[in-house]
N, C-alpha and C. Protein backbone atom coordinates (compact mmCIF):
# COMPACT_ATOMS: atom_id res chain seq x y z
N MET A 1 0.71 -13.57 20.34
CA MET A 1 1.75 -12.62 19.93
C MET A 1 1.12 -11.48 19.16
N GLU A 2 1.38 -10.26 19.62
CA GLU A 2 0.83 -9.09 18.94
C GLU A 2 1.72 -8.73 17.76
N PRO A 3 1.20 -7.96 16.81
CA PRO A 3 2.01 -7.55 15.67
C PRO A 3 3.26 -6.82 16.11
N THR A 4 4.37 -7.12 15.49
CA THR A 4 5.63 -6.48 15.81
C THR A 4 5.93 -5.41 14.77
N ASP A 5 6.11 -4.18 15.24
CA ASP A 5 6.39 -3.06 14.34
C ASP A 5 7.89 -2.80 14.30
N THR A 6 8.43 -2.66 13.11
CA THR A 6 9.82 -2.27 12.96
C THR A 6 9.87 -1.14 11.96
N THR A 7 10.29 0.05 12.43
CA THR A 7 10.34 1.23 11.58
C THR A 7 11.78 1.51 11.20
N ARG A 8 12.02 1.72 9.93
CA ARG A 8 13.38 1.95 9.46
C ARG A 8 13.35 2.77 8.18
N LEU A 9 14.47 3.38 7.84
CA LEU A 9 14.60 4.03 6.54
C LEU A 9 14.58 2.96 5.48
N SER A 10 13.86 3.27 4.39
CA SER A 10 13.77 2.27 3.33
C SER A 10 15.11 2.10 2.64
N ARG A 11 15.48 0.85 2.41
CA ARG A 11 16.66 0.51 1.65
C ARG A 11 16.24 -0.43 0.54
N GLU A 12 17.06 -0.55 -0.47
CA GLU A 12 16.66 -1.27 -1.67
C GLU A 12 16.26 -2.70 -1.36
N ASN A 13 17.06 -3.41 -0.55
CA ASN A 13 16.75 -4.81 -0.26
C ASN A 13 15.44 -4.95 0.49
N GLU A 14 15.17 -4.03 1.41
CA GLU A 14 13.95 -4.10 2.18
C GLU A 14 12.73 -3.78 1.32
N GLU A 15 12.88 -2.87 0.38
CA GLU A 15 11.77 -2.52 -0.49
C GLU A 15 11.42 -3.68 -1.41
N ASP A 16 12.44 -4.31 -1.99
CA ASP A 16 12.21 -5.34 -2.99
C ASP A 16 11.85 -6.67 -2.37
N ASN A 17 12.29 -6.93 -1.13
CA ASN A 17 12.06 -8.24 -0.54
C ASN A 17 11.75 -8.12 0.95
N PRO A 18 10.56 -7.63 1.31
CA PRO A 18 10.20 -7.51 2.72
C PRO A 18 10.03 -8.85 3.41
N LEU A 19 9.96 -9.94 2.65
CA LEU A 19 9.79 -11.27 3.23
C LEU A 19 11.08 -12.08 3.13
N ARG A 20 12.21 -11.39 3.23
CA ARG A 20 13.48 -12.10 3.08
C ARG A 20 13.75 -13.04 4.24
N VAL A 21 12.96 -12.95 5.34
CA VAL A 21 13.15 -13.82 6.50
C VAL A 21 12.03 -14.85 6.59
N MET A 22 11.44 -15.21 5.48
CA MET A 22 10.39 -16.22 5.49
C MET A 22 10.92 -17.54 6.02
N SER A 23 10.06 -18.25 6.77
CA SER A 23 10.44 -19.54 7.33
C SER A 23 10.48 -20.60 6.24
N PRO A 24 11.25 -21.67 6.46
CA PRO A 24 11.25 -22.78 5.49
C PRO A 24 9.84 -23.36 5.34
N GLY A 25 9.41 -23.54 4.12
CA GLY A 25 8.08 -24.08 3.87
C GLY A 25 6.99 -23.03 3.81
N GLU A 26 7.30 -21.80 4.22
CA GLU A 26 6.31 -20.72 4.16
C GLU A 26 6.13 -20.27 2.71
N ARG A 27 4.89 -20.08 2.31
CA ARG A 27 4.61 -19.71 0.92
C ARG A 27 3.74 -18.45 0.88
N VAL A 28 3.84 -17.72 -0.20
CA VAL A 28 3.04 -16.51 -0.39
C VAL A 28 1.66 -16.90 -0.91
N VAL A 29 0.63 -16.49 -0.18
CA VAL A 29 -0.76 -16.75 -0.59
C VAL A 29 -1.21 -15.69 -1.59
N CYS A 30 -0.97 -14.44 -1.27
CA CYS A 30 -1.32 -13.35 -2.19
C CYS A 30 -0.55 -12.09 -1.81
N SER A 31 -0.37 -11.22 -2.78
CA SER A 31 0.29 -9.94 -2.57
C SER A 31 -0.67 -8.84 -3.03
N LEU A 32 -0.97 -7.91 -2.14
CA LEU A 32 -1.98 -6.90 -2.41
C LEU A 32 -1.34 -5.53 -2.60
N LYS A 33 -1.71 -4.87 -3.67
CA LYS A 33 -1.31 -3.49 -3.91
C LYS A 33 -2.57 -2.65 -4.08
N ARG A 34 -2.46 -1.37 -3.78
CA ARG A 34 -3.63 -0.50 -3.84
C ARG A 34 -4.17 -0.37 -5.26
N HIS A 35 -5.48 -0.22 -5.33
CA HIS A 35 -6.17 -0.06 -6.61
C HIS A 35 -5.71 1.24 -7.28
N PRO A 36 -5.44 1.21 -8.58
CA PRO A 36 -4.95 2.42 -9.27
C PRO A 36 -5.93 3.59 -9.27
N ILE A 37 -7.20 3.34 -8.94
CA ILE A 37 -8.17 4.43 -8.95
C ILE A 37 -7.80 5.50 -7.92
N GLY A 38 -7.06 5.10 -6.89
CA GLY A 38 -6.66 6.06 -5.88
C GLY A 38 -5.70 7.11 -6.39
N LEU A 39 -5.12 6.88 -7.56
CA LEU A 39 -4.17 7.83 -8.14
C LEU A 39 -4.85 8.88 -9.02
N ILE A 40 -6.14 8.71 -9.26
CA ILE A 40 -6.85 9.66 -10.12
C ILE A 40 -6.76 11.07 -9.55
N GLY A 41 -6.89 11.21 -8.24
CA GLY A 41 -6.81 12.52 -7.60
C GLY A 41 -5.45 13.17 -7.81
N VAL A 42 -4.39 12.36 -7.73
CA VAL A 42 -3.04 12.88 -7.94
C VAL A 42 -2.86 13.37 -9.37
N TYR A 43 -3.25 12.52 -10.32
CA TYR A 43 -3.11 12.89 -11.73
C TYR A 43 -3.96 14.11 -12.08
N ALA A 44 -5.19 14.14 -11.56
CA ALA A 44 -6.09 15.25 -11.86
C ALA A 44 -5.55 16.56 -11.29
N THR A 45 -5.05 16.51 -10.05
CA THR A 45 -4.50 17.73 -9.43
C THR A 45 -3.31 18.27 -10.21
N CYS A 46 -2.39 17.37 -10.56
CA CYS A 46 -1.21 17.79 -11.33
C CYS A 46 -1.61 18.33 -12.70
N GLY A 47 -2.55 17.67 -13.35
CA GLY A 47 -2.99 18.11 -14.67
C GLY A 47 -3.64 19.47 -14.64
N ILE A 48 -4.50 19.70 -13.65
CA ILE A 48 -5.17 21.00 -13.53
C ILE A 48 -4.17 22.11 -13.24
N LEU A 49 -3.22 21.84 -12.34
CA LEU A 49 -2.21 22.85 -12.03
C LEU A 49 -1.36 23.20 -13.25
N LEU A 50 -1.00 22.19 -14.02
CA LEU A 50 -0.20 22.45 -15.23
C LEU A 50 -1.00 23.25 -16.26
N LEU A 51 -2.27 22.91 -16.42
CA LEU A 51 -3.11 23.65 -17.37
C LEU A 51 -3.26 25.11 -16.94
N LEU A 52 -3.50 25.32 -15.66
CA LEU A 52 -3.63 26.69 -15.16
C LEU A 52 -2.33 27.46 -15.33
N LEU A 53 -1.22 26.78 -15.06
CA LEU A 53 0.08 27.44 -15.17
C LEU A 53 0.36 27.91 -16.59
N PHE A 54 0.25 27.00 -17.54
CA PHE A 54 0.58 27.37 -18.92
C PHE A 54 -0.52 28.22 -19.55
N GLY A 55 -1.75 28.08 -19.05
CA GLY A 55 -2.81 28.98 -19.49
C GLY A 55 -2.53 30.41 -19.07
N PHE A 56 -2.01 30.55 -17.85
CA PHE A 56 -1.64 31.88 -17.37
C PHE A 56 -0.50 32.47 -18.19
N ILE A 57 0.50 31.62 -18.50
CA ILE A 57 1.64 32.10 -19.30
C ILE A 57 1.18 32.52 -20.70
N GLY A 58 0.26 31.75 -21.27
CA GLY A 58 -0.25 32.09 -22.59
C GLY A 58 -1.07 33.37 -22.59
N TYR A 59 -1.74 33.64 -21.45
CA TYR A 59 -2.59 34.83 -21.36
C TYR A 59 -1.82 36.05 -20.86
N LEU A 60 -0.58 35.82 -20.43
CA LEU A 60 0.20 36.91 -19.84
C LEU A 60 0.41 38.10 -20.78
N PRO A 61 0.71 37.89 -22.07
CA PRO A 61 0.86 39.06 -22.97
C PRO A 61 -0.39 39.90 -23.09
N THR A 62 -1.56 39.27 -22.91
CA THR A 62 -2.80 40.04 -22.95
C THR A 62 -2.96 40.89 -21.70
N LEU A 63 -2.55 40.31 -20.56
CA LEU A 63 -2.63 41.05 -19.30
C LEU A 63 -1.62 42.19 -19.26
N ILE A 64 -0.44 41.92 -19.80
CA ILE A 64 0.63 42.94 -19.80
C ILE A 64 1.09 43.13 -21.25
N PRO A 65 0.45 44.02 -22.00
CA PRO A 65 0.76 44.19 -23.43
C PRO A 65 2.19 44.62 -23.70
N ASN A 66 2.77 45.40 -22.80
CA ASN A 66 4.10 45.95 -23.04
C ASN A 66 5.22 45.04 -22.53
N LEU A 67 4.93 43.79 -22.31
CA LEU A 67 5.93 42.85 -21.80
C LEU A 67 7.04 42.64 -22.83
N SER A 68 8.27 42.83 -22.41
CA SER A 68 9.40 42.69 -23.33
C SER A 68 9.68 41.21 -23.63
N ALA A 69 10.47 40.99 -24.67
CA ALA A 69 10.82 39.62 -25.05
C ALA A 69 11.62 38.93 -23.95
N THR A 70 12.47 39.71 -23.29
CA THR A 70 13.28 39.14 -22.19
C THR A 70 12.40 38.70 -21.04
N ASP A 71 11.42 39.56 -20.69
CA ASP A 71 10.50 39.22 -19.61
C ASP A 71 9.67 37.99 -19.96
N LYS A 72 9.28 37.89 -21.22
CA LYS A 72 8.52 36.71 -21.66
C LYS A 72 9.36 35.44 -21.51
N THR A 73 10.64 35.56 -21.84
CA THR A 73 11.54 34.40 -21.71
C THR A 73 11.68 34.00 -20.24
N TYR A 74 11.87 34.99 -19.37
CA TYR A 74 11.97 34.71 -17.94
C TYR A 74 10.70 34.05 -17.41
N ALA A 75 9.56 34.56 -17.85
CA ALA A 75 8.28 34.00 -17.41
C ALA A 75 8.13 32.55 -17.87
N PHE A 76 8.54 32.28 -19.09
CA PHE A 76 8.43 30.92 -19.62
C PHE A 76 9.36 29.96 -18.87
N VAL A 77 10.59 30.41 -18.60
CA VAL A 77 11.54 29.58 -17.86
C VAL A 77 11.01 29.30 -16.45
N ALA A 78 10.45 30.34 -15.81
CA ALA A 78 9.89 30.16 -14.48
C ALA A 78 8.72 29.17 -14.51
N ALA A 79 7.90 29.27 -15.55
CA ALA A 79 6.76 28.35 -15.68
C ALA A 79 7.24 26.91 -15.85
N VAL A 80 8.28 26.72 -16.64
CA VAL A 80 8.83 25.37 -16.84
C VAL A 80 9.37 24.82 -15.52
N ALA A 81 10.05 25.67 -14.74
CA ALA A 81 10.58 25.24 -13.45
C ALA A 81 9.46 24.82 -12.50
N VAL A 82 8.39 25.62 -12.47
CA VAL A 82 7.24 25.27 -11.63
C VAL A 82 6.58 23.99 -12.12
N ALA A 83 6.50 23.82 -13.44
CA ALA A 83 5.91 22.60 -14.00
C ALA A 83 6.72 21.37 -13.62
N VAL A 84 8.04 21.51 -13.61
CA VAL A 84 8.90 20.39 -13.20
C VAL A 84 8.65 20.04 -11.74
N LEU A 85 8.51 21.06 -10.89
CA LEU A 85 8.23 20.81 -9.47
C LEU A 85 6.89 20.12 -9.28
N ILE A 86 5.88 20.57 -10.00
CA ILE A 86 4.56 19.94 -9.91
C ILE A 86 4.64 18.47 -10.33
N SER A 87 5.33 18.22 -11.43
CA SER A 87 5.48 16.84 -11.91
C SER A 87 6.26 15.99 -10.92
N LEU A 88 7.28 16.58 -10.30
CA LEU A 88 8.09 15.85 -9.32
C LEU A 88 7.26 15.47 -8.10
N PHE A 89 6.47 16.42 -7.59
CA PHE A 89 5.62 16.12 -6.45
C PHE A 89 4.59 15.04 -6.80
N GLY A 90 4.07 15.10 -8.01
CA GLY A 90 3.14 14.07 -8.45
C GLY A 90 3.79 12.71 -8.52
N TYR A 91 5.01 12.67 -9.03
CA TYR A 91 5.76 11.41 -9.14
C TYR A 91 6.03 10.81 -7.76
N ILE A 92 6.41 11.67 -6.81
CA ILE A 92 6.66 11.20 -5.44
C ILE A 92 5.38 10.65 -4.82
N ALA A 93 4.26 11.34 -5.05
CA ALA A 93 2.98 10.88 -4.51
C ALA A 93 2.62 9.50 -5.06
N VAL A 94 2.91 9.27 -6.33
CA VAL A 94 2.62 7.96 -6.94
C VAL A 94 3.50 6.88 -6.32
N ILE A 95 4.78 7.17 -6.11
CA ILE A 95 5.68 6.20 -5.49
C ILE A 95 5.22 5.83 -4.09
N ILE A 96 4.83 6.84 -3.31
CA ILE A 96 4.36 6.59 -1.94
C ILE A 96 3.09 5.75 -1.96
N TYR A 97 2.18 6.09 -2.85
CA TYR A 97 0.91 5.35 -2.94
C TYR A 97 1.17 3.89 -3.29
N ARG A 98 2.01 3.66 -4.28
CA ARG A 98 2.27 2.29 -4.74
C ARG A 98 3.15 1.51 -3.77
N GLY A 99 3.83 2.22 -2.87
CA GLY A 99 4.69 1.53 -1.91
C GLY A 99 3.94 0.84 -0.80
N ASN A 100 2.66 1.15 -0.64
CA ASN A 100 1.84 0.51 0.40
C ASN A 100 1.29 -0.81 -0.12
N ARG A 101 1.52 -1.88 0.63
CA ARG A 101 1.04 -3.19 0.20
C ARG A 101 0.94 -4.16 1.36
N TRP A 102 0.27 -5.25 1.11
CA TRP A 102 0.19 -6.37 2.03
C TRP A 102 0.74 -7.61 1.34
N ILE A 103 1.43 -8.46 2.11
CA ILE A 103 1.82 -9.77 1.63
C ILE A 103 1.28 -10.80 2.61
N VAL A 104 0.41 -11.65 2.13
CA VAL A 104 -0.18 -12.71 2.95
C VAL A 104 0.54 -14.00 2.63
N THR A 105 1.11 -14.63 3.67
CA THR A 105 1.76 -15.91 3.49
C THR A 105 0.98 -16.98 4.25
N SER A 106 1.46 -18.20 4.19
CA SER A 106 0.79 -19.30 4.88
C SER A 106 0.96 -19.21 6.39
N ASP A 107 1.81 -18.28 6.88
CA ASP A 107 2.04 -18.13 8.32
C ASP A 107 1.64 -16.76 8.88
N SER A 108 1.65 -15.72 8.04
CA SER A 108 1.49 -14.38 8.59
C SER A 108 0.98 -13.40 7.53
N ILE A 109 0.69 -12.19 8.02
CA ILE A 109 0.34 -11.07 7.14
C ILE A 109 1.36 -9.97 7.39
N THR A 110 2.02 -9.53 6.35
CA THR A 110 2.99 -8.44 6.45
C THR A 110 2.42 -7.20 5.79
N GLN A 111 2.39 -6.12 6.56
CA GLN A 111 1.88 -4.84 6.06
C GLN A 111 3.05 -3.88 5.86
N VAL A 112 3.20 -3.38 4.65
CA VAL A 112 4.25 -2.41 4.34
C VAL A 112 3.58 -1.06 4.11
N GLN A 113 3.88 -0.11 4.99
CA GLN A 113 3.31 1.24 4.89
C GLN A 113 4.41 2.22 4.51
N GLN A 114 4.25 2.89 3.40
CA GLN A 114 5.19 3.92 2.98
C GLN A 114 4.55 5.27 3.24
N THR A 115 5.16 6.03 4.16
CA THR A 115 4.59 7.31 4.56
C THR A 115 5.30 8.50 3.92
N SER A 116 6.49 8.27 3.39
CA SER A 116 7.21 9.31 2.66
C SER A 116 8.16 8.63 1.69
N LEU A 117 8.90 9.43 0.94
CA LEU A 117 9.76 8.86 -0.09
C LEU A 117 10.85 7.97 0.51
N PHE A 118 11.34 8.32 1.71
CA PHE A 118 12.46 7.60 2.30
C PHE A 118 12.10 6.90 3.61
N HIS A 119 10.84 6.70 3.87
CA HIS A 119 10.45 6.09 5.14
C HIS A 119 9.36 5.05 4.95
N LYS A 120 9.63 3.86 5.47
CA LYS A 120 8.64 2.79 5.45
C LYS A 120 8.48 2.20 6.84
N GLN A 121 7.29 1.68 7.11
CA GLN A 121 7.04 0.95 8.35
C GLN A 121 6.49 -0.42 8.00
N THR A 122 7.11 -1.45 8.55
CA THR A 122 6.69 -2.81 8.28
C THR A 122 6.13 -3.43 9.54
N SER A 123 4.92 -3.97 9.48
CA SER A 123 4.27 -4.64 10.60
C SER A 123 3.88 -6.05 10.18
N GLN A 124 3.91 -6.95 11.15
CA GLN A 124 3.58 -8.34 10.83
C GLN A 124 2.74 -8.94 11.94
N LEU A 125 1.74 -9.72 11.56
CA LEU A 125 0.95 -10.46 12.54
C LEU A 125 0.85 -11.91 12.10
N SER A 126 0.85 -12.78 13.10
CA SER A 126 0.76 -14.21 12.83
C SER A 126 -0.69 -14.60 12.55
N LEU A 127 -0.88 -15.52 11.63
CA LEU A 127 -2.24 -16.01 11.36
C LEU A 127 -2.81 -16.74 12.56
N GLU A 128 -1.95 -17.18 13.45
CA GLU A 128 -2.42 -17.89 14.64
C GLU A 128 -3.29 -17.00 15.51
N ASN A 129 -2.98 -15.70 15.53
CA ASN A 129 -3.70 -14.76 16.40
C ASN A 129 -4.81 -14.00 15.68
N LEU A 130 -5.08 -14.38 14.45
CA LEU A 130 -6.10 -13.68 13.67
C LEU A 130 -7.49 -13.94 14.26
N GLU A 131 -8.24 -12.87 14.50
CA GLU A 131 -9.57 -13.01 15.10
C GLU A 131 -10.69 -12.64 14.14
N ASP A 132 -10.46 -11.64 13.31
CA ASP A 132 -11.55 -11.18 12.46
C ASP A 132 -11.00 -10.62 11.15
N VAL A 133 -11.69 -10.92 10.07
CA VAL A 133 -11.35 -10.39 8.75
C VAL A 133 -12.62 -9.82 8.14
N THR A 134 -12.61 -8.54 7.82
CA THR A 134 -13.79 -7.90 7.23
C THR A 134 -13.36 -7.02 6.05
N PHE A 135 -14.33 -6.70 5.23
CA PHE A 135 -14.08 -5.74 4.15
C PHE A 135 -15.26 -4.79 4.08
N GLU A 136 -15.02 -3.61 3.53
CA GLU A 136 -16.05 -2.58 3.46
C GLU A 136 -16.03 -1.90 2.10
N GLN A 137 -17.18 -1.83 1.48
CA GLN A 137 -17.38 -1.06 0.25
C GLN A 137 -18.56 -0.14 0.50
N SER A 138 -18.27 1.14 0.70
CA SER A 138 -19.29 2.06 1.20
C SER A 138 -19.77 3.08 0.17
N SER A 139 -19.42 2.90 -1.09
CA SER A 139 -19.87 3.84 -2.11
C SER A 139 -20.14 3.12 -3.42
N ILE A 140 -20.87 3.80 -4.30
CA ILE A 140 -21.17 3.21 -5.61
C ILE A 140 -19.89 3.02 -6.41
N LEU A 141 -18.98 3.99 -6.32
CA LEU A 141 -17.72 3.88 -7.06
C LEU A 141 -16.93 2.65 -6.63
N GLN A 142 -16.90 2.39 -5.32
CA GLN A 142 -16.17 1.23 -4.82
C GLN A 142 -16.78 -0.06 -5.35
N THR A 143 -18.09 -0.11 -5.43
CA THR A 143 -18.76 -1.30 -5.93
C THR A 143 -18.53 -1.47 -7.43
N ILE A 144 -18.64 -0.38 -8.18
CA ILE A 144 -18.48 -0.45 -9.63
C ILE A 144 -17.05 -0.84 -10.02
N PHE A 145 -16.07 -0.21 -9.37
CA PHE A 145 -14.67 -0.44 -9.75
C PHE A 145 -14.00 -1.55 -8.95
N GLY A 146 -14.75 -2.15 -8.03
CA GLY A 146 -14.25 -3.33 -7.34
C GLY A 146 -13.11 -3.09 -6.38
N TYR A 147 -13.24 -2.09 -5.52
CA TYR A 147 -12.23 -1.87 -4.49
C TYR A 147 -12.91 -1.48 -3.19
N GLY A 148 -12.17 -1.51 -2.11
CA GLY A 148 -12.73 -1.18 -0.81
C GLY A 148 -11.65 -1.20 0.25
N THR A 149 -12.07 -1.28 1.51
CA THR A 149 -11.13 -1.33 2.63
C THR A 149 -11.14 -2.72 3.24
N LEU A 150 -9.98 -3.32 3.34
CA LEU A 150 -9.83 -4.64 3.95
C LEU A 150 -9.30 -4.46 5.37
N LYS A 151 -9.90 -5.17 6.33
CA LYS A 151 -9.52 -5.02 7.73
C LYS A 151 -9.27 -6.38 8.36
N VAL A 152 -8.20 -6.49 9.13
CA VAL A 152 -7.95 -7.70 9.92
C VAL A 152 -7.64 -7.28 11.35
N GLU A 153 -8.04 -8.10 12.31
CA GLU A 153 -7.87 -7.78 13.71
C GLU A 153 -7.34 -8.98 14.48
N THR A 154 -6.54 -8.67 15.52
CA THR A 154 -6.11 -9.67 16.49
C THR A 154 -6.36 -9.10 17.88
N ALA A 155 -6.15 -9.91 18.90
CA ALA A 155 -6.32 -9.43 20.27
C ALA A 155 -5.17 -8.50 20.64
N GLY A 156 -5.46 -7.55 21.53
CA GLY A 156 -4.41 -6.65 22.01
C GLY A 156 -4.44 -5.31 21.31
N GLU A 157 -3.59 -4.42 21.81
CA GLU A 157 -3.50 -3.07 21.26
C GLU A 157 -2.68 -3.06 19.97
N HIS A 158 -2.96 -2.08 19.14
CA HIS A 158 -2.22 -1.89 17.88
C HIS A 158 -2.23 -3.16 17.04
N SER A 159 -3.37 -3.80 17.01
CA SER A 159 -3.43 -5.10 16.33
C SER A 159 -4.46 -5.10 15.20
N LYS A 160 -4.78 -3.94 14.70
CA LYS A 160 -5.72 -3.85 13.59
C LYS A 160 -4.99 -3.32 12.36
N PHE A 161 -5.10 -4.09 11.28
CA PHE A 161 -4.54 -3.66 10.00
C PHE A 161 -5.69 -3.21 9.11
N GLN A 162 -5.52 -2.08 8.43
CA GLN A 162 -6.51 -1.62 7.46
C GLN A 162 -5.80 -1.33 6.14
N PHE A 163 -6.40 -1.79 5.06
CA PHE A 163 -5.80 -1.60 3.74
C PHE A 163 -6.82 -0.93 2.83
N PRO A 164 -6.79 0.42 2.75
CA PRO A 164 -7.73 1.12 1.85
C PRO A 164 -7.35 0.92 0.39
N TYR A 165 -8.33 1.12 -0.48
CA TYR A 165 -8.15 0.95 -1.93
C TYR A 165 -7.67 -0.46 -2.27
N CYS A 166 -8.19 -1.43 -1.53
CA CYS A 166 -7.84 -2.83 -1.79
C CYS A 166 -8.65 -3.34 -2.98
N PRO A 167 -8.01 -3.86 -4.02
CA PRO A 167 -8.76 -4.43 -5.14
C PRO A 167 -9.40 -5.76 -4.75
N SER A 168 -10.63 -5.98 -5.19
CA SER A 168 -11.36 -7.22 -4.90
C SER A 168 -11.28 -7.58 -3.42
N PRO A 169 -11.76 -6.70 -2.53
CA PRO A 169 -11.60 -6.94 -1.09
C PRO A 169 -12.30 -8.20 -0.59
N GLN A 170 -13.43 -8.56 -1.19
CA GLN A 170 -14.13 -9.76 -0.75
C GLN A 170 -13.30 -11.01 -1.01
N LYS A 171 -12.72 -11.10 -2.20
CA LYS A 171 -11.87 -12.24 -2.54
C LYS A 171 -10.65 -12.29 -1.64
N CYS A 172 -10.06 -11.12 -1.36
CA CYS A 172 -8.89 -11.08 -0.50
C CYS A 172 -9.23 -11.54 0.92
N ALA A 173 -10.40 -11.12 1.41
CA ALA A 173 -10.82 -11.55 2.74
C ALA A 173 -11.00 -13.06 2.79
N ILE A 174 -11.59 -13.63 1.75
CA ILE A 174 -11.77 -15.09 1.69
C ILE A 174 -10.42 -15.80 1.65
N ASP A 175 -9.48 -15.26 0.88
CA ASP A 175 -8.14 -15.87 0.80
C ASP A 175 -7.46 -15.88 2.17
N ILE A 176 -7.60 -14.79 2.92
CA ILE A 176 -6.98 -14.71 4.24
C ILE A 176 -7.64 -15.68 5.21
N ILE A 177 -8.96 -15.76 5.17
CA ILE A 177 -9.68 -16.69 6.05
C ILE A 177 -9.28 -18.13 5.75
N GLU A 178 -9.19 -18.46 4.47
CA GLU A 178 -8.79 -19.81 4.09
C GLU A 178 -7.35 -20.11 4.52
N ALA A 179 -6.47 -19.12 4.40
CA ALA A 179 -5.08 -19.30 4.83
C ALA A 179 -5.01 -19.51 6.34
N HIS A 180 -5.86 -18.77 7.08
CA HIS A 180 -5.91 -18.93 8.54
C HIS A 180 -6.40 -20.33 8.91
N GLU A 181 -7.45 -20.79 8.27
CA GLU A 181 -7.98 -22.12 8.56
C GLU A 181 -6.95 -23.20 8.24
N GLU A 182 -6.27 -23.04 7.11
CA GLU A 182 -5.24 -24.01 6.73
C GLU A 182 -4.09 -24.00 7.73
N PHE A 183 -3.73 -22.82 8.20
CA PHE A 183 -2.65 -22.69 9.18
C PHE A 183 -3.03 -23.39 10.48
N MET A 184 -4.25 -23.16 10.97
CA MET A 184 -4.69 -23.77 12.22
C MET A 184 -4.80 -25.29 12.08
N ASN A 185 -5.33 -25.75 10.97
CA ASN A 185 -5.45 -27.19 10.74
C ASN A 185 -4.08 -27.85 10.69
N GLU A 186 -3.14 -27.21 10.05
CA GLU A 186 -1.78 -27.76 9.94
C GLU A 186 -1.11 -27.81 11.31
N ASN A 187 -1.31 -26.75 12.11
CA ASN A 187 -0.74 -26.75 13.46
C ASN A 187 -1.34 -27.84 14.32
N GLN A 188 -2.65 -28.04 14.21
CA GLN A 188 -3.30 -29.10 14.97
C GLN A 188 -2.79 -30.47 14.54
N ARG A 189 -2.60 -30.65 13.25
CA ARG A 189 -2.10 -31.93 12.75
C ARG A 189 -0.68 -32.20 13.25
N LEU A 190 0.15 -31.18 13.18
CA LEU A 190 1.52 -31.33 13.66
C LEU A 190 1.56 -31.55 15.16
N GLY A 191 0.63 -30.91 15.87
CA GLY A 191 0.56 -31.10 17.32
C GLY A 191 0.20 -32.52 17.69
N ARG A 192 -0.79 -33.08 16.97
CA ARG A 192 -1.20 -34.46 17.23
C ARG A 192 -0.08 -35.42 16.86
N THR A 193 0.63 -35.12 15.78
CA THR A 193 1.73 -35.99 15.36
C THR A 193 2.83 -36.01 16.40
N THR A 194 3.12 -34.82 16.98
CA THR A 194 4.15 -34.73 18.00
C THR A 194 3.77 -35.54 19.23
N ILE A 195 2.48 -35.43 19.63
CA ILE A 195 2.01 -36.16 20.80
C ILE A 195 2.09 -37.66 20.57
N ASN A 196 1.63 -38.10 19.38
CA ASN A 196 1.64 -39.53 19.08
C ASN A 196 3.06 -40.07 19.05
N THR A 197 3.99 -39.32 18.48
CA THR A 197 5.39 -39.74 18.42
C THR A 197 5.99 -39.84 19.82
N SER A 198 5.63 -38.86 20.66
CA SER A 198 6.13 -38.85 22.03
C SER A 198 5.62 -40.04 22.80
N ASN A 199 4.33 -40.38 22.64
CA ASN A 199 3.76 -41.52 23.35
C ASN A 199 4.37 -42.82 22.89
N THR A 200 4.68 -42.93 21.61
CA THR A 200 5.23 -44.16 21.05
C THR A 200 6.64 -44.41 21.57
N SER A 201 7.38 -43.36 21.79
CA SER A 201 8.77 -43.51 22.19
C SER A 201 8.93 -43.86 23.65
N GLN A 202 7.86 -43.73 24.46
CA GLN A 202 7.95 -44.02 25.89
C GLN A 202 7.93 -45.52 26.17
């Protein structure tokens, strides 16, 4: 079975509980959220823009010495409005970044991708079809701060999940591999039990 994609507008219940259809006995192995280091670029960009904005407003009387008090007030109000917009865009970027996550259960891997403020895509693959689990740390920063890209693959098209800015990717990969092995062992045990029960009843 290939991963099943279901795209929908995000609603509160879906955001808070993407695993509301978990099977009886299914348990959560781990829940992965992106490393906070990925937000440094957002915070830095917003901070620099705000500094430039208010620096320009502070320097404006020097550029235009004859600026009236009314014009100064208008300029300040405009600067505040722009600052609010910058902060709002930064806040939205943080929400989108934090909305991306993985939930690994004893049966499957659920990937929640948030691409905009009101849009999420949820994909799921069964551990039964898991073929490969790898992680990548390709820079000194990733090694120092302990994050990287986690990848899982199954057979078929559109069957590769990638999770950038994954914290402790090596540990997460091991957890997924162990969950897969436990899943396969449990299925084999249940399969043998079913066969033995069937033979006994004949």
